[in-house]
PDB file of N, CA and C in Angstrom:
ATOM      1  N   MET A   1     -12.557 -24.813   8.356  1.00  0.00           N
ATOM      2  CA  MET A   1     -12.512 -24.197   7.692  1.00  0.00           C
ATOM      3  C   MET A   1     -11.636 -23.114   6.386  1.00  0.00           C
ATOM      4  N   ARG A   2     -11.983 -23.280   5.642  1.00  0.00           N
ATOM      5  CA  ARG A   2     -10.698 -22.829   4.299  1.00  0.00           C
ATOM      6  C   ARG A   2     -10.674 -21.806   3.519  1.00  0.00           C
ATOM      7  N   GLN A   3      -9.445 -21.159   3.830  1.00  0.00           N
ATOM      8  CA  GLN A   3      -9.585 -19.825   3.627  1.00  0.00           C
ATOM      9  C   GLN A   3      -9.968 -19.740   1.597  1.00  0.00           C
ATOM     10  N   ARG A   4     -10.354 -17.956   1.378  1.00  0.00           N
ATOM     11  CA  ARG A   4     -10.390 -18.237   0.733  1.00  0.00           C
ATOM     12  C   ARG A   4      -9.534 -17.555  -0.166  1.00  0.00           C
ATOM     13  N   ILE A   5      -9.702 -18.309  -1.915  1.00  0.00           N
ATOM     14  CA  ILE A   5      -7.797 -17.700  -2.268  1.00  0.00           C
ATOM     15  C   ILE A   5      -7.861 -16.065  -3.623  1.00  0.00           C
ATOM     16  N   LYS A   6      -6.873 -15.627  -2.599  1.00  0.00           N
ATOM     17  CA  LYS A   6      -6.588 -13.350  -2.879  1.00  0.00           C
ATOM     18  C   LYS A   6      -6.077 -14.226  -4.654  1.00  0.00           C
ATOM     19  N   ARG A   7      -7.273 -13.047  -5.491  1.00  0.00           N
ATOM     20  CA  ARG A   7      -7.212 -12.622  -6.970  1.00  0.00           C
ATOM     21  C   ARG A   7      -6.598 -11.605  -6.195  1.00  0.00           C
ATOM     22  N   ARG A   8      -6.396 -10.971  -7.266  1.00  0.00           N
ATOM     23  CA  ARG A   8      -5.454  -9.056  -7.696  1.00  0.00           C
ATOM     24  C   ARG A   8      -5.306  -8.994  -8.859  1.00  0.00           C
ATOM     25  N   GLU A   9      -5.839  -8.199  -9.732  1.00  0.00           N
ATOM     26  CA  GLU A   9      -5.887  -7.451 -11.327  1.00  0.00           C
ATOM     27  C   GLU A   9      -4.565  -6.418 -11.093  1.00  0.00           C
ATOM     28  N   GLY A  10      -3.945  -6.566 -12.067  1.00  0.00           N
ATOM     29  CA  GLY A  10      -2.875  -6.058 -12.445  1.00  0.00           C
ATOM     30  C   GLY A  10      -2.977  -5.612 -14.065  1.00  0.00           C
ATOM     31  N   THR A  11      -1.366  -4.695 -14.278  1.00  0.00           N
ATOM     32  CA  THR A  11      -0.347  -4.663 -15.602  1.00  0.00           C
ATOM     33  C   THR A  11       0.418  -5.274 -15.499  1.00  0.00           C
ATOM     34  N   VAL A  12       0.969  -5.845 -16.394  1.00  0.00           N
ATOM     35  CA  VAL A  12       2.539  -6.113 -16.524  1.00  0.00           C
ATOM     36  C   VAL A  12       3.460  -5.102 -16.565  1.00  0.00           C
ATOM     37  N   VAL A  13       4.564  -5.032 -15.454  1.00  0.00           N
ATOM     38  CA  VAL A  13       5.597  -3.704 -16.030  1.00  0.00           C
ATOM     39  C   VAL A  13       7.038  -4.698 -16.439  1.00  0.00           C
ATOM     40  N   SER A  14       6.577  -5.592 -16.210  1.00  0.00           N
ATOM     41  CA  SER A  14       8.460  -5.866 -16.895  1.00  0.00           C
ATOM     42  C   SER A  14       8.104  -7.570 -16.662  1.00  0.00           C
ATOM     43  N   ALA A  15       8.817  -7.960 -17.962  1.00  0.00           N
ATOM     44  CA  ALA A  15       8.422  -9.728 -17.906  1.00  0.00           C
ATOM     45  C   ALA A  15       9.946 -10.033 -19.406  1.00  0.00           C
ATOM     46  N   LYS A  16      10.828  -9.906 -18.401  1.00  0.00           N
ATOM     47  CA  LYS A  16      12.274  -9.781 -19.302  1.00  0.00           C
ATOM     48  C   LYS A  16      12.101 -11.964 -18.551  1.00  0.00           C
ATOM     49  N   MET A  17      12.461 -11.461 -16.921  1.00  0.00           N
ATOM     50  CA  MET A  17      12.901 -12.588 -16.643  1.00  0.00           C
ATOM     51  C   MET A  17      12.048 -13.772 -17.138  1.00  0.00           C
ATOM     52  N   THR A  18      12.305 -15.279 -17.039  1.00  0.00           N
ATOM     53  CA  THR A  18      12.238 -16.494 -17.639  1.00  0.00           C
ATOM     54  C   THR A  18      10.971 -17.429 -16.929  1.00  0.00           C
ATOM     55  N   LYS A  19       9.733 -16.794 -16.540  1.00  0.00           N
ATOM     56  CA  LYS A  19       8.691 -18.017 -16.906  1.00  0.00           C
ATOM     57  C   LYS A  19       8.320 -16.752 -15.133  1.00  0.00           C
ATOM     58  N   THR A  20       8.731 -15.953 -15.097  1.00  0.00           N
ATOM     59  CA  THR A  20       8.556 -14.788 -14.248  1.00  0.00           C
ATOM     60  C   THR A  20       7.187 -13.485 -14.666  1.00  0.00           C
ATOM     61  N   VAL A  21       7.496 -12.744 -14.706  1.00  0.00           N
ATOM     62  CA  VAL A  21       6.295 -11.627 -14.154  1.00  0.00           C
ATOM     63  C   VAL A  21       6.560 -10.604 -13.448  1.00  0.00           C
ATOM     64  N   VAL A  22       6.651  -9.101 -13.489  1.00  0.00           N
ATOM     65  CA  VAL A  22       6.098  -8.855 -12.443  1.00  0.00           C
ATOM     66  C   VAL A  22       4.971  -7.589 -12.700  1.00  0.00           C
ATOM     67  N   VAL A  23       4.164  -7.591 -11.738  1.00  0.00           N
ATOM     68  CA  VAL A  23       2.908  -7.411 -12.235  1.00  0.00           C
ATOM     69  C   VAL A  23       2.585  -6.286 -11.615  1.00  0.00           C
ATOM     70  N   GLN A  24       2.248  -5.094 -11.602  1.00  0.00           N
ATOM     71  CA  GLN A  24       1.842  -4.183 -11.357  1.00  0.00           C
ATOM     72  C   GLN A  24       0.395  -4.249 -10.474  1.00  0.00           C
ATOM     73  N   VAL A  25      -0.094  -3.434  -9.434  1.00  0.00           N
ATOM     74  CA  VAL A  25      -1.131  -3.353  -8.738  1.00  0.00           C
ATOM     75  C   VAL A  25      -1.044  -2.219  -8.256  1.00  0.00           C
ATOM     76  N   ASP A  26      -2.988  -1.726  -8.251  1.00  0.00           N
ATOM     77  CA  ASP A  26      -3.527  -0.265  -8.269  1.00  0.00           C
ATOM     78  C   ASP A  26      -4.982  -0.610  -7.503  1.00  0.00           C
ATOM     79  N   ARG A  27      -4.354  -0.039  -6.323  1.00  0.00           N
ATOM     80  CA  ARG A  27      -6.086   0.740  -5.826  1.00  0.00           C
ATOM     81  C   ARG A  27      -6.454   1.649  -5.019  1.00  0.00           C
ATOM     82  N   LEU A  28      -6.957   2.727  -4.707  1.00  0.00           N
ATOM     83  CA  LEU A  28      -7.411   3.968  -4.993  1.00  0.00           C
ATOM     84  C   LEU A  28      -7.841   3.338  -3.526  1.00  0.00           C
ATOM     85  N   VAL A  29      -7.756   4.948  -2.289  1.00  0.00           N
ATOM     86  CA  VAL A  29      -7.382   3.872  -0.119  1.00  0.00           C
ATOM     87  C   VAL A  29      -7.671   5.458  -0.185  1.00  0.00           C
ATOM     88  N   GLU A  30      -8.772   5.744   0.041  1.00  0.00           N
ATOM     89  CA  GLU A  30      -9.392   6.944   1.170  1.00  0.00           C
ATOM     90  C   GLU A  30      -8.199   7.262   2.386  1.00  0.00           C
ATOM     91  N   HIS A  31      -7.591   8.565   2.373  1.00  0.00           N
ATOM     92  CA  HIS A  31      -6.800   9.183   3.378  1.00  0.00           C
ATOM     93  C   HIS A  31      -7.588   8.678   4.714  1.00  0.00           C
ATOM     94  N   PRO A  32      -6.828   7.678   6.130  1.00  0.00           N
ATOM     95  CA  PRO A  32      -8.321   8.032   7.281  1.00  0.00           C
ATOM     96  C   PRO A  32      -8.426   9.077   8.132  1.00  0.00           C
ATOM     97  N   ILE A  33      -7.279   9.871   7.491  1.00  0.00           N
ATOM     98  CA  ILE A  33      -8.158  12.466   8.098  1.00  0.00           C
ATOM     99  C   ILE A  33      -8.911  12.945   7.558  1.00  0.00           C
ATOM    100  N   TYR A  34      -8.100  13.203   6.654  1.00  0.00           N
ATOM    101  CA  TYR A  34      -8.918  14.443   5.356  1.00  0.00           C
ATOM    102  C   TYR A  34      -9.231  13.622   4.823  1.00  0.00           C
ATOM    103  N   GLY A  35      -9.560  12.136   4.081  1.00  0.00           N
ATOM    104  CA  GLY A  35     -11.070  11.836   2.910  1.00  0.00           C
ATOM    105  C   GLY A  35     -10.092  12.023   1.371  1.00  0.00           C
ATOM    106  N   LYS A  36      -8.889  12.248   1.874  1.00  0.00           N
ATOM    107  CA  LYS A  36      -8.976  12.369  -0.260  1.00  0.00           C
ATOM    108  C   LYS A  36      -8.315  10.956  -0.229  1.00  0.00           C
ATOM    109  N   ARG A  37      -8.862  10.780  -1.981  1.00  0.00           N
ATOM    110  CA  ARG A  37      -8.451   9.664  -2.397  1.00  0.00           C
ATOM    111  C   ARG A  37      -7.405   9.053  -2.503  1.00  0.00           C
ATOM    112  N   MET A  38      -6.637   7.735  -2.342  1.00  0.00           N
ATOM    113  CA  MET A  38      -4.796   8.623  -3.098  1.00  0.00           C
ATOM    114  C   MET A  38      -4.459   6.728  -3.364  1.00  0.00           C
ATOM    115  N   LYS A  39      -3.472   7.067  -5.128  1.00  0.00           N
ATOM    116  CA  LYS A  39      -3.363   6.125  -5.206  1.00  0.00           C
ATOM    117  C   LYS A  39      -2.402   4.969  -4.858  1.00  0.00           C
ATOM    118  N   GLN A  40      -2.461   3.268  -4.175  1.00  0.00           N
ATOM    119  CA  GLN A  40      -1.689   3.229  -3.832  1.00  0.00           C
ATOM    120  C   GLN A  40      -1.139   2.474  -4.899  1.00  0.00           C
ATOM    121  N   ARG A  41       0.537   1.968  -4.923  1.00  0.00           N
ATOM    122  CA  ARG A  41       0.465   0.696  -5.705  1.00  0.00           C
ATOM    123  C   ARG A  41       1.998  -0.155  -4.968  1.00  0.00           C
ATOM    124  N   ARG A  42       1.600  -1.724  -5.574  1.00  0.00           N
ATOM    125  CA  ARG A  42       2.123  -2.952  -5.205  1.00  0.00           C
ATOM    126  C   ARG A  42       2.427  -4.209  -6.523  1.00  0.00           C
ATOM    127  N   ARG A  43       3.722  -4.254  -6.017  1.00  0.00           N
ATOM    128  CA  ARG A  43       4.281  -4.727  -7.336  1.00  0.00           C
ATOM    129  C   ARG A  43       4.303  -6.169  -6.957  1.00  0.00           C
ATOM    130  N   PHE A  44       4.341  -7.147  -7.629  1.00  0.00           N
ATOM    131  CA  PHE A  44       3.738  -8.339  -6.568  1.00  0.00           C
ATOM    132  C   PHE A  44       4.627  -9.188  -8.417  1.00  0.00           C
ATOM    133  N   MET A  45       5.932 -10.481  -7.730  1.00  0.00           N
ATOM    134  CA  MET A  45       6.748 -11.250  -8.739  1.00  0.00           C
ATOM    135  C   MET A  45       5.107 -11.932  -9.234  1.00  0.00           C
ATOM    136  N   ALA A  46       5.027 -12.542  -9.958  1.00  0.00           N
ATOM    137  CA  ALA A  46       4.550 -14.094  -9.954  1.00  0.00           C
ATOM    138  C   ALA A  46       4.323 -14.993 -11.426  1.00  0.00           C
ATOM    139  N   HIS A  47       4.376 -16.216 -11.059  1.00  0.00           N
ATOM    140  CA  HIS A  47       5.063 -16.825 -12.230  1.00  0.00           C
ATOM    141  C   HIS A  47       4.429 -17.640 -13.403  1.00  0.00           C
ATOM    142  N   ASP A  48       4.425 -17.533 -14.609  1.00  0.00           N
ATOM    143  CA  ASP A  48       4.139 -17.675 -15.680  1.00  0.00           C
ATOM    144  C   ASP A  48       4.699 -18.219 -17.017  1.00  0.00           C
ATOM    145  N   GLU A  49       4.407 -20.109 -16.943  1.00  0.00           N
ATOM    146  CA  GLU A  49       4.718 -21.147 -16.940  1.00  0.00           C
ATOM    147  C   GLU A  49       4.968 -20.809 -18.960  1.00  0.00           C
ATOM    148  N   LYS A  50       3.916 -20.800 -19.195  1.00  0.00           N
ATOM    149  CA  LYS A  50       3.897 -20.185 -20.320  1.00  0.00           C
ATOM    150  C   LYS A  50       5.204 -19.407 -20.910  1.00  0.00           C
ATOM    151  N   GLY A  51       4.368 -18.395 -20.484  1.00  0.00           N
ATOM    152  CA  GLY A  51       5.510 -17.247 -20.814  1.00  0.00           C
ATOM    153  C   GLY A  51       4.492 -16.638 -21.895  1.00  0.00           C
ATOM    154  N   ALA A  52       3.810 -16.671 -21.922  1.00  0.00           N
ATOM    155  CA  ALA A  52       2.437 -15.866 -22.831  1.00  0.00           C
ATOM    156  C   ALA A  52       2.636 -14.068 -22.253  1.00  0.00           C
ATOM    157  N   CYS A  53       2.801 -14.396 -21.418  1.00  0.00           N
ATOM    158  CA  CYS A  53       2.476 -11.844 -20.762  1.00  0.00           C
ATOM    159  C   CYS A  53       3.589 -11.525 -21.221  1.00  0.00           C
ATOM    160  N   GLY A  54       3.251  -9.862 -22.003  1.00  0.00           N
ATOM    161  CA  GLY A  54       3.408  -9.033 -21.931  1.00  0.00           C
ATOM    162  C   GLY A  54       3.762  -7.539 -21.006  1.00  0.00           C
ATOM    163  N   GLU A  55       5.019  -7.139 -21.978  1.00  0.00           N
ATOM    164  CA  GLU A  55       4.682  -5.828 -20.514  1.00  0.00           C
ATOM    165  C   GLU A  55       2.866  -4.592 -21.328  1.00  0.00           C
ATOM    166  N   GLY A  56       2.902  -4.458 -20.539  1.00  0.00           N
ATOM    167  CA  GLY A  56       2.053  -3.920 -20.333  1.00  0.00           C
ATOM    168  C   GLY A  56      -0.084  -4.510 -20.613  1.00  0.00           C
ATOM    169  N   ASP A  57      -0.036  -6.494 -20.835  1.00  0.00           N
ATOM    170  CA  ASP A  57      -0.998  -6.696 -20.316  1.00  0.00           C
ATOM    171  C   ASP A  57      -2.061  -6.735 -19.039  1.00  0.00           C
ATOM    172  N   ARG A  58      -2.612  -6.478 -19.414  1.00  0.00           N
ATOM    173  CA  ARG A  58      -3.261  -7.091 -17.928  1.00  0.00           C
ATOM    174  C   ARG A  58      -4.157  -8.228 -17.582  1.00  0.00           C
ATOM    175  N   VAL A  59      -3.598  -8.241 -15.993  1.00  0.00           N
ATOM    176  CA  VAL A  59      -3.168  -9.960 -15.682  1.00  0.00           C
ATOM    177  C   VAL A  59      -3.779  -9.947 -14.608  1.00  0.00           C
ATOM    178  N   MET A  60      -4.729 -11.349 -14.278  1.00  0.00           N
ATOM    179  CA  MET A  60      -5.599 -11.701 -13.387  1.00  0.00           C
ATOM    180  C   MET A  60      -4.474 -12.958 -12.203  1.00  0.00           C
ATOM    181  N   ILE A  61      -4.071 -11.873 -11.057  1.00  0.00           N
ATOM    182  CA  ILE A  61      -2.646 -13.214 -10.668  1.00  0.00           C
ATOM    183  C   ILE A  61      -3.238 -13.435  -9.284  1.00  0.00           C
ATOM    184  N   VAL A  62      -2.835 -15.282  -8.815  1.00  0.00           N
ATOM    185  CA  VAL A  62      -4.171 -15.363  -7.663  1.00  0.00           C
ATOM    186  C   VAL A  62      -2.740 -15.907  -6.335  1.00  0.00           C
ATOM    187  N   GLU A  63      -2.932 -15.994  -5.028  1.00  0.00           N
ATOM    188  CA  GLU A  63      -2.050 -16.352  -4.306  1.00  0.00           C
ATOM    189  C   GLU A  63      -1.863 -18.343  -4.574  1.00  0.00           C
ATOM    190  N   ALA A  64      -0.755 -18.199  -4.806  1.00  0.00           N
ATOM    191  CA  ALA A  64       0.027 -19.618  -4.556  1.00  0.00           C
ATOM    192  C   ALA A  64       0.635 -20.022  -3.382  1.00  0.00           C
ATOM    193  N   GLN A  65       1.537 -21.425  -3.822  1.00  0.00           N
ATOM    194  CA  GLN A  65       2.226 -21.349  -2.411  1.00  0.00           C
ATOM    195  C   GLN A  65       3.685 -20.667  -2.879  1.00  0.00           C
ATOM    196  N   PRO A  66       4.756 -20.819  -2.089  1.00  0.00           N
ATOM    197  CA  PRO A  66       6.094 -20.072  -3.035  1.00  0.00           C
ATOM    198  C   PRO A  66       6.857 -20.329  -3.395  1.00  0.00           C
ATOM    199  N   LEU A  67       7.421 -20.066  -5.269  1.00  0.00           N
ATOM    200  CA  LEU A  67       7.818 -20.673  -5.510  1.00  0.00           C
ATOM    201  C   LEU A  67       9.099 -20.571  -5.979  1.00  0.00           C
ATOM    202  N   SER A  68       9.629 -19.282  -4.833  1.00  0.00           N
ATOM    203  CA  SER A  68      11.075 -19.004  -4.529  1.00  0.00           C
ATOM    204  C   SER A  68      10.982 -17.878  -3.817  1.00  0.00           C
ATOM    205  N   LYS A  69      12.468 -17.410  -3.997  1.00  0.00           N
ATOM    206  CA  LYS A  69      11.694 -15.876  -2.347  1.00  0.00           C
ATOM    207  C   LYS A  69      10.837 -15.443  -2.710  1.00  0.00           C
ATOM    208  N   ASN A  70      11.155 -14.828  -3.981  1.00  0.00           N
ATOM    209  CA  ASN A  70       9.776 -13.314  -3.639  1.00  0.00           C
ATOM    210  C   ASN A  70       8.661 -13.819  -4.329  1.00  0.00           C
ATOM    211  N   LYS A  71       8.625 -14.944  -5.351  1.00  0.00           N
ATOM    212  CA  LYS A  71       7.504 -15.342  -5.783  1.00  0.00           C
ATOM    213  C   LYS A  71       6.339 -15.940  -5.232  1.00  0.00           C
ATOM    214  N   ARG A  72       5.416 -15.364  -4.857  1.00  0.00           N
ATOM    215  CA  ARG A  72       3.953 -16.114  -4.227  1.00  0.00           C
ATOM    216  C   ARG A  72       3.204 -16.012  -5.008  1.00  0.00           C
ATOM    217  N   TRP A  73       2.351 -15.883  -6.122  1.00  0.00           N
ATOM    218  CA  TRP A  73       1.837 -15.204  -6.794  1.00  0.00           C
ATOM    219  C   TRP A  73       1.557 -16.424  -8.490  1.00  0.00           C
ATOM    220  N   ARG A  74       1.121 -17.217  -9.028  1.00  0.00           N
ATOM    221  CA  ARG A  74       0.593 -17.248 -10.440  1.00  0.00           C
ATOM    222  C   ARG A  74       0.145 -16.268 -10.992  1.00  0.00           C
ATOM    223  N   VAL A  75      -0.055 -16.616 -12.497  1.00  0.00           N
ATOM    224  CA  VAL A  75      -1.054 -15.701 -13.033  1.00  0.00           C
ATOM    225  C   VAL A  75      -1.834 -17.000 -13.561  1.00  0.00           C
ATOM    226  N   SER A  76      -3.013 -16.745 -13.034  1.00  0.00           N
ATOM    227  CA  SER A  76      -4.429 -17.527 -13.428  1.00  0.00           C
ATOM    228  C   SER A  76      -4.977 -17.020 -15.928  1.00  0.00           C
ATOM    229  N   SER A  77      -5.123 -16.009 -15.379  1.00  0.00           N
ATOM    230  CA  SER A  77      -5.535 -15.536 -17.208  1.00  0.00           C
ATOM    231  C   SER A  77      -4.986 -14.524 -16.938  1.00  0.00           C
ATOM    232  N   ILE A  78      -4.628 -13.852 -18.906  1.00  0.00           N
ATOM    233  CA  ILE A  78      -4.224 -13.077 -19.699  1.00  0.00           C
ATOM    234  C   ILE A  78      -6.282 -12.129 -19.596  1.00  0.00           C
ATOM    235  N   ILE A  79      -6.285 -10.713 -19.152  1.00  0.00           N
ATOM    236  CA  ILE A  79      -7.353  -9.859 -18.913  1.00  0.00           C
ATOM    237  C   ILE A  79      -7.296  -9.627 -20.948  1.00  0.00           C
ATOM    238  N   THR A  80      -6.451  -9.365 -20.800  1.00  0.00           N
ATOM    239  CA  THR A  80      -6.671  -8.202 -21.962  1.00  0.00           C
ATOM    240  C   THR A  80      -4.800  -7.941 -22.839  1.00  0.00           C
ATOM    241  N   LYS A  81      -4.849  -8.103 -23.541  1.00  0.00           N
ATOM    242  CA  LYS A  81      -2.962  -8.000 -24.262  1.00  0.00           C
ATOM    243  C   LYS A  81      -3.186  -6.217 -25.490  1.00  0.00           C
ATOM    244  N   ALA A  82      -1.911  -5.868 -24.303  1.00  0.00           N
ATOM    245  CA  ALA A  82      -1.239  -4.811 -24.373  1.00  0.00           C
ATOM    246  C   ALA A  82      -1.101  -4.588 -26.553  1.00  0.00           C
ATOM    247  N   ALA A  83      -1.574  -3.274 -26.558  1.00  0.00           N
ATOM    248  CA  ALA A  83      -1.385  -2.916 -27.914  1.00  0.00           C
ATOM    249  C   ALA A  83       0.413  -3.052 -28.541  1.00  0.00           C
ATOM    250  N   GLY A  84       0.361  -4.019 -29.462  1.00  0.00           N
ATOM    251  CA  GLY A  84       1.322  -2.967 -30.538  1.00  0.00           C
ATOM    252  C   GLY A  84       2.578  -4.855 -30.224  1.00  0.00           C
TER     253      GLY A  84
END
């Protein structure tokens, strides 16, 4: 049985590299003891073949085969462009 492809939605925080963007994914997690909801952040390096992404864009990334030492994701679509 094939595994499902992992997808994440996040915000581009850096687009300074060639064909690579850094995407920050925020999610709310409930504390196991106290029950308070906390924001967890994770940053992924993603492959952007066309170089279409800019800082502040909301993007969908999907898991891919390893492309470099740190890149294991690629940008599948831009959900919303940043203003400006």
